Protein backbone atom coordinates (compact mmCIF):
# COMPACT_ATOMS: atom_id res chain seq x y z
CA MET A 1 -1.18 -1.00 3.91
CA PRO A 2 2.56 -0.42 4.41
CA LYS A 3 3.72 -0.04 7.98
CA LYS A 4 4.33 3.50 9.09
CA ILE A 5 4.78 3.01 12.83
CA THR A 6 7.43 0.58 14.01
CA GLY A 7 8.28 -0.80 17.43
CA ASP A 8 11.62 1.00 17.55
CA MET A 9 10.13 4.47 17.04
CA ASN A 10 10.07 6.93 19.94
CA MET A 11 6.65 6.98 21.59
CA ARG A 12 6.45 10.75 21.99
CA GLU A 13 7.30 11.30 18.32
CA VAL A 14 4.64 8.78 17.29
CA ILE A 15 2.04 10.59 19.38
CA ARG A 16 2.98 13.91 17.78
CA SER A 17 3.23 12.58 14.25
CA TYR A 18 0.19 10.29 14.29
CA PRO A 19 -2.58 11.78 16.47
CA ASP A 20 -4.99 8.98 15.54
CA ALA A 21 -2.66 6.55 17.36
CA ARG A 22 -4.05 8.01 20.60
CA LYS A 23 -7.16 5.90 20.08
CA VAL A 24 -5.08 2.79 20.68
CA LEU A 25 -3.41 4.31 23.74
CA ASP A 26 -6.83 5.16 25.16
CA ARG A 27 -8.11 1.64 24.48
CA TYR A 28 -5.32 0.24 26.66
CA GLY A 29 -5.60 2.95 29.32
CA MET A 30 -2.15 4.27 28.46
CA ARG A 31 -1.69 7.94 29.28
CA CYS A 32 1.54 8.38 27.33
CA ARG A 33 0.73 11.88 26.11
CA GLY A 34 1.79 13.52 29.37
CA CYS A 35 4.19 10.83 30.55
CA MET A 36 7.89 11.59 30.74
CA GLY A 37 8.57 7.93 29.91
CA ALA A 38 7.15 8.49 26.44
CA ALA A 39 10.13 10.70 25.64
CA ALA A 40 12.58 7.92 26.45
CA GLU A 41 10.72 4.77 25.45
CA THR A 42 10.14 3.13 22.11
CA VAL A 43 6.68 1.99 21.07
CA SER A 44 7.60 -1.62 21.92
CA GLN A 45 9.01 -0.66 25.33
CA SER A 46 5.85 1.28 26.15
CA ALA A 47 3.67 -1.66 25.17
CA THR A 48 5.71 -4.08 27.27
CA THR A 49 5.71 -1.72 30.26
CA HIS A 50 1.91 -1.68 30.12
CA GLY A 51 1.53 -5.43 29.63
CA VAL A 52 0.53 -5.23 25.97
CA ASP A 53 1.98 -7.46 23.25
CA PRO A 54 4.29 -5.16 21.23
CA GLU A 55 3.46 -6.75 17.85
CA THR A 56 -0.26 -6.41 18.41
CA PHE A 57 0.20 -2.86 19.67
CA VAL A 58 2.15 -1.77 16.58
CA LEU A 59 -0.37 -3.44 14.29
CA GLU A 60 -3.30 -1.71 16.01
CA MET A 61 -1.55 1.66 15.91
CA ASN A 62 -0.95 1.32 12.16
CA GLU A 63 -4.57 0.33 11.61
CA ALA A 64 -5.71 3.37 13.62
CA VAL A 65 -3.60 5.85 11.70
CA GLY A 66 -4.18 4.34 8.27
CA GLY A 67 -0.83 5.72 7.16
CA LYS A 68 -1.83 9.32 7.95
CA ARG A 69 0.94 11.54 9.26
CA THR A 70 0.54 15.12 10.42
CA ALA A 71 2.48 18.14 9.19
CA ARG A 72 4.31 18.24 12.54
CA ALA A 73 6.19 15.08 11.66
CA ARG A 74 9.87 15.38 10.89
CA SER A 75 11.25 13.78 7.77
């Protein structure tokens, strides 16, 4: 499966574009959906802030979304 989510992507945009990624956030107790930090942080920064290995986090998010992107996503 090709990677769709990368560590340098903006967390808020990932949440909007890949709703299934929320499963991973919930697993780690991350409440990024309503957090102002999500607008400013990358996926890797968010993982690090919450004590999660960024590589593992990105891998798990990609597994959760299975490459599915919503219509809201910007090209």
